[in-house]
Amino acid sequence: MTRTVIREQAKSSEYTLYLDGPARVPRSIDMGGSEPLLKRLRPGDNASVTMWRDYATAVRQGKVSQETADTPEGEPVFVCALALAVICGGAYGLYAGGTALVRARRHAVRGLPATLVPRGKEAAGAAMCTLPALVVGDFTSVPVMLVVWLGLLPLVRWVGQRQQQRSTGRHARPPVHTV
């Protein structure tokens, strides 16, 4: 161990342990707090670092151990939520692009189909459903998060259909067609 940095401030704190050792061990580790071990370490002290994959999950000196802030906990849930949101945008992009390509001549004459906007709203709603699913996933697991997200999709579809029904009432603005 080469040095420690403990800086406790109101808005931002730093608890870093700087190490020298084998190449696999990181040169610095965010400890997340000064208790119970970091504040006791001095330059030149020997400490054991628990590695899991590429993460330094704990530091130990003698019988005193401290977990670090360098853990993969929660990472799969966040990655899954991000992937779901990107998939929603990608699926809508494929739908809109495919519609434009397959019926390009018709759209050149009549204009773009009216379904593009509602489907875009539904895709955005499906992407937004990843946020409550992410919150649930933080407390449970990825499969439960997926079930919550899939359970919210019919609600998004229903809200989209309700908005579309209201916008096509007798007071709706007539569509503009240019020829």
N, C-alpha and C. Protein backbone atom coordinates (compact mmCIF):
# COMPACT_ATOMS: atom_id res chain seq x y z
N MET A 1 0.84 -1.16 0.00
CA MET A 1 0.00 0.00 0.00
C MET A 1 0.89 1.23 0.00
N THR A 2 0.60 2.20 -0.87
CA THR A 2 1.45 3.38 -0.95
C THR A 2 0.89 4.56 -0.16
N ARG A 3 -0.44 4.80 -0.26
CA ARG A 3 -1.03 5.91 0.48
C ARG A 3 -2.54 5.81 0.49
N THR A 4 -3.16 6.60 1.35
CA THR A 4 -4.62 6.68 1.40
C THR A 4 -5.03 8.14 1.27
N VAL A 5 -6.22 8.35 0.73
CA VAL A 5 -6.79 9.70 0.65
C VAL A 5 -8.16 9.63 1.29
N ILE A 6 -8.32 10.38 2.37
CA ILE A 6 -9.62 10.48 3.04
C ILE A 6 -9.98 11.95 3.06
N ARG A 7 -10.97 12.32 2.26
CA ARG A 7 -11.42 13.70 2.19
C ARG A 7 -12.93 13.69 2.38
N GLU A 8 -13.36 14.13 3.55
CA GLU A 8 -14.79 14.15 3.87
C GLU A 8 -15.30 15.57 3.74
N GLN A 9 -16.14 15.79 2.75
CA GLN A 9 -16.73 17.10 2.50
C GLN A 9 -18.24 16.94 2.45
N ALA A 10 -18.93 18.05 2.54
CA ALA A 10 -20.39 18.00 2.58
C ALA A 10 -21.00 17.43 1.30
N LYS A 11 -20.51 17.87 0.15
CA LYS A 11 -21.13 17.44 -1.10
C LYS A 11 -20.39 16.32 -1.80
N SER A 12 -19.09 16.22 -1.60
CA SER A 12 -18.34 15.15 -2.25
C SER A 12 -17.22 14.69 -1.34
N SER A 13 -17.16 13.41 -1.15
CA SER A 13 -16.12 12.82 -0.31
C SER A 13 -15.28 11.88 -1.15
N GLU A 14 -14.06 11.66 -0.71
CA GLU A 14 -13.16 10.75 -1.42
C GLU A 14 -12.51 9.83 -0.40
N TYR A 15 -12.60 8.54 -0.70
CA TYR A 15 -11.97 7.52 0.14
C TYR A 15 -11.23 6.57 -0.81
N THR A 16 -9.96 6.87 -1.06
CA THR A 16 -9.20 6.11 -2.05
C THR A 16 -7.99 5.46 -1.40
N LEU A 17 -7.76 4.23 -1.79
CA LEU A 17 -6.59 3.48 -1.35
C LEU A 17 -5.70 3.27 -2.57
N TYR A 18 -4.44 3.70 -2.47
CA TYR A 18 -3.48 3.52 -3.57
C TYR A 18 -2.58 2.34 -3.23
N LEU A 19 -2.43 1.44 -4.20
CA LEU A 19 -1.69 0.19 -3.97
C LEU A 19 -0.53 0.04 -4.94
N ASP A 20 0.44 -0.76 -4.50
CA ASP A 20 1.46 -1.26 -5.42
C ASP A 20 1.51 -2.76 -5.20
N GLY A 21 1.52 -3.48 -6.26
CA GLY A 21 1.49 -4.94 -6.15
C GLY A 21 1.47 -5.55 -7.52
N PRO A 22 0.97 -6.79 -7.61
CA PRO A 22 0.91 -7.46 -8.91
C PRO A 22 0.09 -6.66 -9.92
N ALA A 23 0.35 -6.93 -11.18
CA ALA A 23 -0.31 -6.18 -12.26
C ALA A 23 -1.83 -6.34 -12.23
N ARG A 24 -2.31 -7.45 -11.72
CA ARG A 24 -3.75 -7.72 -11.71
C ARG A 24 -4.48 -6.83 -10.69
N VAL A 25 -3.78 -6.39 -9.67
CA VAL A 25 -4.37 -5.55 -8.63
C VAL A 25 -4.41 -4.11 -9.12
N PRO A 26 -5.56 -3.42 -8.99
CA PRO A 26 -5.63 -2.03 -9.46
C PRO A 26 -4.71 -1.12 -8.65
N ARG A 27 -4.29 -0.04 -9.25
CA ARG A 27 -3.40 0.91 -8.58
C ARG A 27 -4.14 1.76 -7.56
N SER A 28 -5.45 1.98 -7.78
CA SER A 28 -6.25 2.72 -6.81
C SER A 28 -7.62 2.07 -6.70
N ILE A 29 -8.16 2.12 -5.49
CA ILE A 29 -9.48 1.52 -5.22
C ILE A 29 -10.32 2.53 -4.48
N ASP A 30 -11.55 2.74 -4.93
CA ASP A 30 -12.51 3.57 -4.21
C ASP A 30 -13.08 2.72 -3.09
N MET A 31 -12.82 3.12 -1.86
CA MET A 31 -13.23 2.32 -0.71
C MET A 31 -14.65 2.64 -0.24
N GLY A 32 -15.23 3.73 -0.66
CA GLY A 32 -16.60 4.06 -0.30
C GLY A 32 -16.77 4.66 1.08
N GLY A 33 -15.79 4.52 1.94
CA GLY A 33 -15.84 5.07 3.30
C GLY A 33 -14.52 4.82 4.01
N SER A 34 -14.35 5.46 5.16
CA SER A 34 -13.08 5.31 5.87
C SER A 34 -13.11 4.20 6.92
N GLU A 35 -14.28 3.73 7.28
CA GLU A 35 -14.42 2.70 8.31
C GLU A 35 -14.63 1.34 7.67
N PRO A 36 -14.20 0.27 8.20
CA PRO A 36 -13.42 0.14 9.43
C PRO A 36 -11.92 0.10 9.18
N LEU A 37 -11.49 -0.01 7.91
CA LEU A 37 -10.08 -0.28 7.66
C LEU A 37 -9.28 0.90 7.11
N LEU A 38 -9.84 1.64 6.19
CA LEU A 38 -9.06 2.64 5.45
C LEU A 38 -8.36 3.63 6.36
N LYS A 39 -9.03 4.12 7.39
CA LYS A 39 -8.40 5.13 8.25
C LYS A 39 -7.25 4.57 9.09
N ARG A 40 -7.16 3.25 9.19
CA ARG A 40 -6.10 2.61 9.98
C ARG A 40 -4.85 2.29 9.16
N LEU A 41 -4.98 2.31 7.84
CA LEU A 41 -3.84 1.94 6.99
C LEU A 41 -2.83 3.08 6.90
N ARG A 42 -1.56 2.71 6.87
CA ARG A 42 -0.46 3.66 6.73
C ARG A 42 0.41 3.24 5.54
N PRO A 43 1.13 4.17 4.92
CA PRO A 43 2.01 3.81 3.81
C PRO A 43 2.99 2.71 4.22
N GLY A 44 3.11 1.72 3.36
CA GLY A 44 4.01 0.59 3.62
C GLY A 44 3.31 -0.60 4.25
N ASP A 45 2.08 -0.43 4.74
CA ASP A 45 1.34 -1.56 5.33
C ASP A 45 1.03 -2.59 4.26
N ASN A 46 1.00 -3.85 4.66
CA ASN A 46 0.58 -4.92 3.76
C ASN A 46 -0.91 -5.13 3.93
N ALA A 47 -1.59 -5.29 2.82
CA ALA A 47 -3.03 -5.53 2.84
C ALA A 47 -3.34 -6.55 1.75
N SER A 48 -4.35 -7.35 1.97
CA SER A 48 -4.80 -8.34 0.99
C SER A 48 -6.01 -7.78 0.26
N VAL A 49 -6.01 -7.93 -1.05
CA VAL A 49 -7.12 -7.46 -1.87
C VAL A 49 -7.86 -8.66 -2.41
N THR A 50 -9.15 -8.71 -2.17
CA THR A 50 -9.98 -9.79 -2.71
C THR A 50 -10.45 -9.38 -4.10
N MET A 51 -10.08 -10.18 -5.10
CA MET A 51 -10.44 -9.89 -6.48
C MET A 51 -11.53 -10.86 -6.93
N TRP A 52 -12.52 -10.35 -7.63
CA TRP A 52 -13.52 -11.18 -8.27
C TRP A 52 -13.65 -10.68 -9.69
N ARG A 53 -13.25 -11.54 -10.64
CA ARG A 53 -13.12 -11.14 -12.04
C ARG A 53 -12.19 -9.94 -12.12
N ASP A 54 -12.65 -8.80 -12.58
CA ASP A 54 -11.79 -7.61 -12.65
C ASP A 54 -12.12 -6.61 -11.54
N TYR A 55 -12.85 -7.02 -10.54
CA TYR A 55 -13.28 -6.13 -9.48
C TYR A 55 -12.50 -6.41 -8.20
N ALA A 56 -12.05 -5.35 -7.55
CA ALA A 56 -11.44 -5.47 -6.22
C ALA A 56 -12.58 -5.25 -5.23
N THR A 57 -13.11 -6.34 -4.68
CA THR A 57 -14.34 -6.25 -3.88
C THR A 57 -14.10 -5.99 -2.41
N ALA A 58 -12.91 -6.31 -1.88
CA ALA A 58 -12.64 -6.09 -0.46
C ALA A 58 -11.14 -5.97 -0.22
N VAL A 59 -10.82 -5.28 0.86
CA VAL A 59 -9.44 -5.16 1.30
C VAL A 59 -9.38 -5.63 2.74
N ARG A 60 -8.32 -6.41 3.06
CA ARG A 60 -8.20 -6.99 4.39
C ARG A 60 -6.79 -6.77 4.91
N GLN A 61 -6.74 -6.43 6.19
CA GLN A 61 -5.46 -6.37 6.90
C GLN A 61 -5.67 -7.05 8.25
N GLY A 62 -5.01 -8.18 8.42
CA GLY A 62 -5.21 -8.96 9.64
C GLY A 62 -6.64 -9.48 9.69
N LYS A 63 -7.34 -9.17 10.77
CA LYS A 63 -8.73 -9.61 10.93
C LYS A 63 -9.74 -8.55 10.52
N VAL A 64 -9.25 -7.38 10.14
CA VAL A 64 -10.14 -6.28 9.76
C VAL A 64 -10.28 -6.27 8.24
N SER A 65 -11.54 -6.22 7.79
CA SER A 65 -11.83 -6.23 6.36
C SER A 65 -12.82 -5.13 6.03
N GLN A 66 -12.70 -4.58 4.84
CA GLN A 66 -13.63 -3.55 4.39
C GLN A 66 -14.00 -3.81 2.94
N GLU A 67 -15.30 -3.78 2.66
CA GLU A 67 -15.76 -3.90 1.28
C GLU A 67 -15.46 -2.60 0.55
N THR A 68 -15.20 -2.72 -0.74
CA THR A 68 -14.91 -1.53 -1.55
C THR A 68 -16.17 -1.10 -2.31
N ALA A 69 -16.08 0.02 -2.98
CA ALA A 69 -17.17 0.49 -3.83
C ALA A 69 -17.06 -0.11 -5.23
N ASP A 70 -16.03 -0.90 -5.48
CA ASP A 70 -15.76 -1.49 -6.79
C ASP A 70 -16.41 -2.88 -6.87
N THR A 71 -17.73 -2.90 -7.00
CA THR A 71 -18.44 -4.18 -7.08
C THR A 71 -19.31 -4.21 -8.32
N PRO A 72 -19.55 -5.39 -8.85
CA PRO A 72 -20.43 -5.50 -10.01
C PRO A 72 -21.91 -5.56 -9.63
N GLU A 73 -22.21 -5.38 -8.37
CA GLU A 73 -23.58 -5.48 -7.90
C GLU A 73 -24.46 -4.43 -8.58
N GLY A 74 -25.56 -4.85 -9.15
CA GLY A 74 -26.47 -3.95 -9.83
C GLY A 74 -26.13 -3.72 -11.29
N GLU A 75 -24.97 -4.09 -11.73
CA GLU A 75 -24.58 -3.86 -13.11
C GLU A 75 -25.45 -4.61 -14.12
N PRO A 76 -25.76 -5.90 -13.90
CA PRO A 76 -26.61 -6.60 -14.87
C PRO A 76 -27.99 -5.98 -15.01
N VAL A 77 -28.55 -5.48 -13.92
CA VAL A 77 -29.87 -4.87 -13.96
C VAL A 77 -29.83 -3.59 -14.80
N PHE A 78 -28.82 -2.77 -14.59
CA PHE A 78 -28.70 -1.53 -15.35
C PHE A 78 -28.46 -1.81 -16.83
N VAL A 79 -27.60 -2.76 -17.13
CA VAL A 79 -27.30 -3.10 -18.52
C VAL A 79 -28.56 -3.62 -19.21
N CYS A 80 -29.34 -4.43 -18.50
CA CYS A 80 -30.58 -4.97 -19.08
C CYS A 80 -31.58 -3.83 -19.35
N ALA A 81 -31.72 -2.90 -18.42
CA ALA A 81 -32.64 -1.77 -18.62
C ALA A 81 -32.20 -0.92 -19.81
N LEU A 82 -30.92 -0.67 -19.90
CA LEU A 82 -30.40 0.10 -21.03
C LEU A 82 -30.66 -0.63 -22.34
N ALA A 83 -30.45 -1.94 -22.36
CA ALA A 83 -30.68 -2.73 -23.57
C ALA A 83 -32.16 -2.69 -23.96
N LEU A 84 -33.06 -2.78 -22.98
CA LEU A 84 -34.49 -2.72 -23.29
C LEU A 84 -34.87 -1.38 -23.91
N ALA A 85 -34.34 -0.29 -23.36
CA ALA A 85 -34.65 1.03 -23.91
C ALA A 85 -34.11 1.17 -25.33
N VAL A 86 -32.91 0.68 -25.57
CA VAL A 86 -32.32 0.75 -26.91
C VAL A 86 -33.09 -0.14 -27.89
N ILE A 87 -33.53 -1.29 -27.42
CA ILE A 87 -34.31 -2.19 -28.28
C ILE A 87 -35.62 -1.53 -28.71
N CYS A 88 -36.25 -0.80 -27.78
CA CYS A 88 -37.50 -0.12 -28.13
C CYS A 88 -37.28 0.89 -29.25
N GLY A 89 -36.23 1.69 -29.12
CA GLY A 89 -35.92 2.67 -30.16
C GLY A 89 -35.51 2.00 -31.46
N GLY A 90 -34.74 0.93 -31.37
CA GLY A 90 -34.32 0.21 -32.57
C GLY A 90 -35.47 -0.46 -33.29
N ALA A 91 -36.39 -1.05 -32.51
CA ALA A 91 -37.55 -1.70 -33.13
C ALA A 91 -38.43 -0.68 -33.85
N TYR A 92 -38.62 0.49 -33.21
CA TYR A 92 -39.40 1.53 -33.87
C TYR A 92 -38.69 2.03 -35.12
N GLY A 93 -37.37 2.18 -35.04
CA GLY A 93 -36.61 2.62 -36.21
C GLY A 93 -36.73 1.63 -37.36
N LEU A 94 -36.68 0.35 -37.04
CA LEU A 94 -36.87 -0.67 -38.09
C LEU A 94 -38.27 -0.60 -38.68
N TYR A 95 -39.27 -0.42 -37.82
CA TYR A 95 -40.65 -0.32 -38.31
C TYR A 95 -40.82 0.90 -39.22
N ALA A 96 -40.36 2.06 -38.74
CA ALA A 96 -40.53 3.29 -39.53
C ALA A 96 -39.72 3.22 -40.82
N GLY A 97 -38.48 2.76 -40.73
CA GLY A 97 -37.65 2.67 -41.93
C GLY A 97 -38.17 1.64 -42.91
N GLY A 98 -38.61 0.49 -42.39
CA GLY A 98 -39.17 -0.55 -43.26
C GLY A 98 -40.43 -0.08 -43.95
N THR A 99 -41.29 0.62 -43.21
CA THR A 99 -42.51 1.16 -43.80
C THR A 99 -42.17 2.16 -44.90
N ALA A 100 -41.20 3.01 -44.65
CA ALA A 100 -40.82 4.01 -45.65
C ALA A 100 -40.21 3.37 -46.89
N LEU A 101 -39.42 2.32 -46.71
CA LEU A 101 -38.78 1.66 -47.85
C LEU A 101 -39.77 0.84 -48.67
N VAL A 102 -40.59 0.07 -48.01
CA VAL A 102 -41.49 -0.85 -48.72
C VAL A 102 -42.55 -0.09 -49.51
N ARG A 103 -43.02 0.99 -48.96
CA ARG A 103 -44.10 1.74 -49.62
C ARG A 103 -43.65 3.16 -50.00
N ALA A 104 -42.45 3.28 -50.49
CA ALA A 104 -41.88 4.60 -50.79
C ALA A 104 -42.69 5.36 -51.84
N ARG A 105 -43.12 4.69 -52.87
CA ARG A 105 -43.88 5.39 -53.93
C ARG A 105 -45.21 5.90 -53.39
N ARG A 106 -45.88 5.05 -52.63
CA ARG A 106 -47.18 5.44 -52.08
C ARG A 106 -47.01 6.63 -51.13
N HIS A 107 -45.96 6.59 -50.31
CA HIS A 107 -45.73 7.68 -49.36
C HIS A 107 -45.31 8.97 -50.06
N ALA A 108 -44.69 8.85 -51.22
CA ALA A 108 -44.31 10.04 -51.97
C ALA A 108 -45.54 10.76 -52.49
N VAL A 109 -46.59 10.00 -52.80
CA VAL A 109 -47.82 10.59 -53.33
C VAL A 109 -48.76 11.02 -52.21
N ARG A 110 -48.98 10.13 -51.24
CA ARG A 110 -49.99 10.37 -50.20
C ARG A 110 -49.43 10.95 -48.90
N GLY A 111 -48.15 10.90 -48.71
CA GLY A 111 -47.57 11.34 -47.44
C GLY A 111 -47.32 10.15 -46.54
N LEU A 112 -46.66 10.39 -45.44
CA LEU A 112 -46.35 9.32 -44.50
C LEU A 112 -47.61 8.81 -43.82
N PRO A 113 -47.64 7.54 -43.45
CA PRO A 113 -48.84 7.00 -42.80
C PRO A 113 -49.05 7.60 -41.42
N ALA A 114 -50.31 7.66 -41.02
CA ALA A 114 -50.67 8.25 -39.74
C ALA A 114 -50.22 7.38 -38.56
N THR A 115 -49.89 6.12 -38.80
CA THR A 115 -49.52 5.23 -37.70
C THR A 115 -48.11 5.45 -37.19
N LEU A 116 -47.28 6.17 -37.92
CA LEU A 116 -45.89 6.37 -37.49
C LEU A 116 -45.80 7.12 -36.16
N VAL A 117 -46.59 8.16 -36.00
CA VAL A 117 -46.52 8.96 -34.77
C VAL A 117 -47.04 8.17 -33.57
N PRO A 118 -48.21 7.52 -33.64
CA PRO A 118 -48.64 6.74 -32.47
C PRO A 118 -47.68 5.61 -32.11
N ARG A 119 -47.14 4.95 -33.12
CA ARG A 119 -46.18 3.86 -32.84
C ARG A 119 -44.90 4.43 -32.22
N GLY A 120 -44.50 5.60 -32.64
CA GLY A 120 -43.34 6.26 -32.03
C GLY A 120 -43.59 6.60 -30.57
N LYS A 121 -44.80 7.07 -30.27
CA LYS A 121 -45.16 7.36 -28.88
C LYS A 121 -45.17 6.07 -28.05
N GLU A 122 -45.67 5.00 -28.63
CA GLU A 122 -45.68 3.72 -27.90
C GLU A 122 -44.26 3.22 -27.67
N ALA A 123 -43.37 3.40 -28.64
CA ALA A 123 -41.98 2.99 -28.46
C ALA A 123 -41.32 3.81 -27.36
N ALA A 124 -41.59 5.11 -27.34
CA ALA A 124 -41.05 5.95 -26.27
C ALA A 124 -41.62 5.54 -24.92
N GLY A 125 -42.91 5.21 -24.89
CA GLY A 125 -43.52 4.75 -23.64
C GLY A 125 -42.92 3.43 -23.17
N ALA A 126 -42.66 2.54 -24.11
CA ALA A 126 -42.04 1.25 -23.76
C ALA A 126 -40.63 1.47 -23.22
N ALA A 127 -39.91 2.42 -23.82
CA ALA A 127 -38.57 2.74 -23.31
C ALA A 127 -38.66 3.35 -21.92
N MET A 128 -39.67 4.17 -21.67
CA MET A 128 -39.84 4.77 -20.35
C MET A 128 -40.23 3.72 -19.29
N CYS A 129 -40.84 2.63 -19.73
CA CYS A 129 -41.21 1.56 -18.79
C CYS A 129 -39.98 0.88 -18.20
N THR A 130 -38.83 1.09 -18.81
CA THR A 130 -37.62 0.50 -18.24
C THR A 130 -37.25 1.15 -16.91
N LEU A 131 -37.68 2.39 -16.68
CA LEU A 131 -37.34 3.06 -15.42
C LEU A 131 -37.99 2.39 -14.21
N PRO A 132 -39.33 2.17 -14.20
CA PRO A 132 -39.88 1.46 -13.04
C PRO A 132 -39.38 0.02 -12.96
N ALA A 133 -39.14 -0.59 -14.11
CA ALA A 133 -38.61 -1.95 -14.11
C ALA A 133 -37.20 -1.97 -13.51
N LEU A 134 -36.41 -0.93 -13.79
CA LEU A 134 -35.07 -0.82 -13.22
C LEU A 134 -35.13 -0.70 -11.70
N VAL A 135 -36.08 0.08 -11.20
CA VAL A 135 -36.23 0.23 -9.75
C VAL A 135 -36.58 -1.11 -9.11
N VAL A 136 -37.50 -1.83 -9.72
CA VAL A 136 -37.86 -3.15 -9.20
C VAL A 136 -36.68 -4.10 -9.30
N GLY A 137 -35.95 -4.04 -10.41
CA GLY A 137 -34.79 -4.91 -10.60
C GLY A 137 -33.69 -4.67 -9.58
N ASP A 138 -33.56 -3.43 -9.10
CA ASP A 138 -32.56 -3.15 -8.07
C ASP A 138 -32.84 -3.91 -6.78
N PHE A 139 -34.12 -4.15 -6.50
CA PHE A 139 -34.48 -4.85 -5.27
C PHE A 139 -34.65 -6.35 -5.47
N THR A 140 -34.76 -6.79 -6.73
CA THR A 140 -35.00 -8.22 -6.99
C THR A 140 -33.92 -8.76 -7.91
N SER A 141 -34.30 -9.07 -9.16
CA SER A 141 -33.35 -9.63 -10.11
C SER A 141 -33.77 -9.27 -11.53
N VAL A 142 -32.92 -9.63 -12.48
CA VAL A 142 -33.19 -9.31 -13.88
C VAL A 142 -34.46 -9.99 -14.40
N PRO A 143 -34.71 -11.29 -14.11
CA PRO A 143 -35.95 -11.88 -14.61
C PRO A 143 -37.21 -11.19 -14.09
N VAL A 144 -37.20 -10.79 -12.83
CA VAL A 144 -38.36 -10.08 -12.28
C VAL A 144 -38.50 -8.72 -12.97
N MET A 145 -37.37 -8.07 -13.24
CA MET A 145 -37.39 -6.80 -13.94
C MET A 145 -38.02 -6.95 -15.33
N LEU A 146 -37.65 -8.01 -16.04
CA LEU A 146 -38.23 -8.26 -17.37
C LEU A 146 -39.73 -8.50 -17.30
N VAL A 147 -40.17 -9.22 -16.27
CA VAL A 147 -41.61 -9.48 -16.10
C VAL A 147 -42.35 -8.17 -15.85
N VAL A 148 -41.79 -7.29 -15.03
CA VAL A 148 -42.41 -6.00 -14.77
C VAL A 148 -42.48 -5.18 -16.06
N TRP A 149 -41.39 -5.15 -16.81
CA TRP A 149 -41.38 -4.39 -18.06
C TRP A 149 -42.42 -4.94 -19.05
N LEU A 150 -42.44 -6.25 -19.20
CA LEU A 150 -43.42 -6.86 -20.11
C LEU A 150 -44.84 -6.63 -19.62
N GLY A 151 -45.03 -6.60 -18.31
CA GLY A 151 -46.36 -6.33 -17.75
C GLY A 151 -46.83 -4.91 -17.99
N LEU A 152 -45.91 -3.98 -18.11
CA LEU A 152 -46.28 -2.57 -18.35
C LEU A 152 -46.56 -2.28 -19.82
N LEU A 153 -46.08 -3.11 -20.72
CA LEU A 153 -46.27 -2.85 -22.15
C LEU A 153 -47.75 -2.81 -22.59
N PRO A 154 -48.61 -3.72 -22.11
CA PRO A 154 -50.03 -3.59 -22.49
C PRO A 154 -50.64 -2.27 -22.02
N LEU A 155 -50.19 -1.76 -20.88
CA LEU A 155 -50.68 -0.47 -20.40
C LEU A 155 -50.26 0.65 -21.35
N VAL A 156 -49.04 0.59 -21.83
CA VAL A 156 -48.56 1.59 -22.79
C VAL A 156 -49.39 1.52 -24.07
N ARG A 157 -49.65 0.32 -24.54
CA ARG A 157 -50.45 0.13 -25.76
C ARG A 157 -51.87 0.68 -25.56
N TRP A 158 -52.46 0.41 -24.39
CA TRP A 158 -53.81 0.87 -24.10
C TRP A 158 -53.86 2.40 -24.06
N VAL A 159 -52.88 3.03 -23.39
CA VAL A 159 -52.83 4.49 -23.33
C VAL A 159 -52.66 5.06 -24.73
N GLY A 160 -51.81 4.45 -25.53
CA GLY A 160 -51.62 4.92 -26.91
C GLY A 160 -52.89 4.82 -27.73
N GLN A 161 -53.63 3.75 -27.58
CA GLN A 161 -54.89 3.59 -28.32
C GLN A 161 -55.93 4.59 -27.84
N ARG A 162 -55.96 4.86 -26.54
CA ARG A 162 -56.92 5.84 -26.01
C ARG A 162 -56.61 7.24 -26.56
N GLN A 163 -55.34 7.60 -26.62
CA GLN A 163 -54.96 8.89 -27.16
C GLN A 163 -55.32 8.99 -28.64
N GLN A 164 -55.13 7.90 -29.36
CA GLN A 164 -55.43 7.90 -30.79
C GLN A 164 -56.93 8.01 -31.01
N GLN A 165 -57.75 7.36 -30.18
CA GLN A 165 -59.21 7.45 -30.31
C GLN A 165 -59.69 8.86 -30.03
N ARG A 166 -59.11 9.50 -29.03
CA ARG A 166 -59.51 10.86 -28.69
C ARG A 166 -59.11 11.84 -29.79
N SER A 167 -57.97 11.62 -30.42
CA SER A 167 -57.51 12.57 -31.44
C SER A 167 -58.23 12.40 -32.76
N THR A 168 -59.00 11.33 -32.94
CA THR A 168 -59.72 11.14 -34.20
C THR A 168 -61.21 11.41 -34.04
N GLY A 169 -61.59 12.12 -32.98
CA GLY A 169 -63.00 12.47 -32.75
C GLY A 169 -63.46 13.53 -33.72
N ARG A 170 -64.71 13.97 -33.56
CA ARG A 170 -65.27 14.92 -34.51
C ARG A 170 -64.64 16.30 -34.41
N HIS A 171 -63.94 16.58 -33.29
CA HIS A 171 -63.29 17.87 -33.15
C HIS A 171 -61.82 17.83 -33.54
N ALA A 172 -61.36 16.70 -34.00
CA ALA A 172 -59.96 16.59 -34.39
C ALA A 172 -59.68 17.38 -35.65
N ARG A 173 -58.47 17.83 -35.76
CA ARG A 173 -58.06 18.58 -36.95
C ARG A 173 -58.04 17.62 -38.13
N PRO A 174 -58.59 18.02 -39.28
CA PRO A 174 -58.57 17.13 -40.44
C PRO A 174 -57.14 16.95 -40.95
N PRO A 175 -56.83 15.76 -41.49
CA PRO A 175 -55.48 15.54 -42.01
C PRO A 175 -55.21 16.43 -43.22
N VAL A 176 -53.96 16.84 -43.33
CA VAL A 176 -53.55 17.67 -44.45
C VAL A 176 -52.89 16.77 -45.48
N HIS A 177 -53.45 16.75 -46.69
CA HIS A 177 -52.88 15.95 -47.78
C HIS A 177 -52.40 16.90 -48.86
N THR A 178 -51.21 16.71 -49.26
CA THR A 178 -50.67 17.51 -50.37
C THR A 178 -50.45 16.59 -51.56
N VAL A 179 -50.83 17.03 -52.69
CA VAL A 179 -50.69 16.21 -53.89
C VAL A 179 -49.73 16.85 -54.85
